[in-house]
Amino acid sequence: MSNWTIYQQITIQQLRVQSVSNSSVLQVGSAGSIRSLSQLYNSGGFTGPAPQLGEENPLSFVPLPNPA
C-alpha cells in the first residue's frame, strides 16, 4: 500500500449546478474516499405532514434574476 500526497490549487471562476437532490455529491479536487451520509432533521418540531396546497394556501413565488 502506498501513500499519496497531492497538493492542488483550484480556481473556480463560475460554477453552475443544474440540480441538487438528497443524494447529490459535488466534488472539486481529489478525495481519498467519499462516504455516503444521510441525515434527516425535524428542526421545526413538526408532528404531522404539511397541509396540502389549495386555494386557502396559495403558493408564493419569489422572482429570481436570470443567470448571466
C-alpha atoms as a PDB file:
ATOM      1  CA  MET A   1       0.000   0.000   0.000  1.00  0.00           C
ATOM      2  CA  SER A   2       1.411   3.377  -0.959  1.00  0.00           C
ATOM      3  CA  ASN A   3       0.579   6.803   0.407  1.00  0.00           C
ATOM      4  CA  TRP A   4      -0.001   9.740  -1.907  1.00  0.00           C
ATOM      5  CA  THR A   5       0.304  13.414  -1.057  1.00  0.00           C
ATOM      6  CA  ILE A   6      -1.435  15.705  -3.540  1.00  0.00           C
ATOM      7  CA  TYR A   7      -1.106  19.470  -3.490  1.00  0.00           C
ATOM      8  CA  GLN A   8      -3.691  21.343  -5.525  1.00  0.00           C
ATOM      9  CA  GLN A   9      -4.597  24.909  -6.283  1.00  0.00           C
ATOM     10  CA  ILE A  10      -8.048  25.166  -7.806  1.00  0.00           C
ATOM     11  CA  THR A  11      -9.534  28.440  -9.035  1.00  0.00           C
ATOM     12  CA  ILE A  12     -13.202  28.418  -9.975  1.00  0.00           C
ATOM     13  CA  GLN A  13     -14.489  31.452 -11.856  1.00  0.00           C
ATOM     14  CA  GLN A  14     -18.044  30.204 -12.185  1.00  0.00           C
ATOM     15  CA  LEU A  15     -19.809  27.045 -11.079  1.00  0.00           C
ATOM     16  CA  ARG A  16     -23.321  26.208 -12.232  1.00  0.00           C
ATOM     17  CA  VAL A  17     -25.279  23.422 -10.620  1.00  0.00           C
ATOM     18  CA  GLN A  18     -28.404  22.435 -12.541  1.00  0.00           C
ATOM     19  CA  SER A  19     -29.967  20.198  -9.924  1.00  0.00           C
ATOM     20  CA  VAL A  20     -29.453  19.203  -6.308  1.00  0.00           C
ATOM     21  CA  SER A  21     -31.142  16.241  -4.686  1.00  0.00           C
ATOM     22  CA  ASN A  22     -30.882  14.481  -1.358  1.00  0.00           C
ATOM     23  CA  SER A  23     -28.258  12.110  -2.724  1.00  0.00           C
ATOM     24  CA  SER A  24     -26.116  14.605  -4.668  1.00  0.00           C
ATOM     25  CA  VAL A  25     -22.335  14.659  -4.422  1.00  0.00           C
ATOM     26  CA  LEU A  26     -20.283  17.597  -5.705  1.00  0.00           C
ATOM     27  CA  GLN A  27     -16.544  17.027  -5.622  1.00  0.00           C
ATOM     28  CA  VAL A  28     -13.881  19.531  -6.624  1.00  0.00           C
ATOM     29  CA  GLY A  29     -10.348  18.187  -6.440  1.00  0.00           C
ATOM     30  CA  SER A  30      -9.160  14.888  -5.027  1.00  0.00           C
ATOM     31  CA  ALA A  31     -10.513  12.913  -2.107  1.00  0.00           C
ATOM     32  CA  GLY A  32      -9.227   9.758  -0.522  1.00  0.00           C
ATOM     33  CA  SER A  33     -12.746   8.433  -0.182  1.00  0.00           C
ATOM     34  CA  ILE A  34     -16.320   9.630  -0.300  1.00  0.00           C
ATOM     35  CA  ARG A  35     -18.635   8.017   2.213  1.00  0.00           C
ATOM     36  CA  SER A  36     -22.360   8.478   1.979  1.00  0.00           C
ATOM     37  CA  LEU A  37     -24.155  10.174   4.838  1.00  0.00           C
ATOM     38  CA  SER A  38     -27.860  10.804   5.097  1.00  0.00           C
ATOM     39  CA  GLN A  39     -29.395  12.796   7.936  1.00  0.00           C
ATOM     40  CA  LEU A  40     -32.983  13.842   8.474  1.00  0.00           C
ATOM     41  CA  TYR A  41     -33.752  16.687  10.862  1.00  0.00           C
ATOM     42  CA  ASN A  42     -37.055  17.942  12.242  1.00  0.00           C
ATOM     43  CA  SER A  43     -35.734  21.303  13.380  1.00  0.00           C
ATOM     44  CA  GLY A  44     -39.231  22.816  13.470  1.00  0.00           C
ATOM     45  CA  GLY A  45     -40.610  20.184  15.832  1.00  0.00           C
ATOM     46  CA  PHE A  46     -43.416  19.254  13.435  1.00  0.00           C
ATOM     47  CA  THR A  47     -45.660  16.386  14.497  1.00  0.00           C
ATOM     48  CA  GLY A  48     -47.549  15.730  11.244  1.00  0.00           C
ATOM     49  CA  PRO A  49     -47.396  16.215   7.485  1.00  0.00           C
ATOM     50  CA  ALA A  50     -47.595  19.665   5.897  1.00  0.00           C
ATOM     51  CA  PRO A  51     -51.048  20.805   4.741  1.00  0.00           C
ATOM     52  CA  GLN A  52     -51.930  20.308   1.080  1.00  0.00           C
ATOM     53  CA  LEU A  53     -51.763  23.376  -1.151  1.00  0.00           C
ATOM     54  CA  GLY A  54     -55.112  24.740  -2.215  1.00  0.00           C
ATOM     55  CA  GLU A  55     -56.990  27.976  -2.682  1.00  0.00           C
ATOM     56  CA  GLU A  56     -56.687  28.722   1.024  1.00  0.00           C
ATOM     57  CA  ASN A  57     -52.898  28.338   0.910  1.00  0.00           C
ATOM     58  CA  PRO A  58     -51.661  29.775  -2.430  1.00  0.00           C
ATOM     59  CA  LEU A  59     -48.080  29.121  -3.462  1.00  0.00           C
ATOM     60  CA  SER A  60     -45.990  32.298  -3.422  1.00  0.00           C
ATOM     61  CA  PHE A  61     -43.191  32.652  -5.974  1.00  0.00           C
ATOM     62  CA  VAL A  62     -40.091  34.763  -5.432  1.00  0.00           C
ATOM     63  CA  PRO A  63     -38.686  36.146  -8.700  1.00  0.00           C
ATOM     64  CA  LEU A  64     -35.039  35.259  -9.274  1.00  0.00           C
ATOM     65  CA  PRO A  65     -32.692  37.006 -11.719  1.00  0.00           C
ATOM     66  CA  ASN A  66     -31.783  35.227 -14.939  1.00  0.00           C
ATOM     67  CA  PRO A  67     -28.316  33.625 -14.864  1.00  0.00           C
ATOM     68  CA  ALA A  68     -25.687  35.790 -16.525  1.00  0.00           C
END
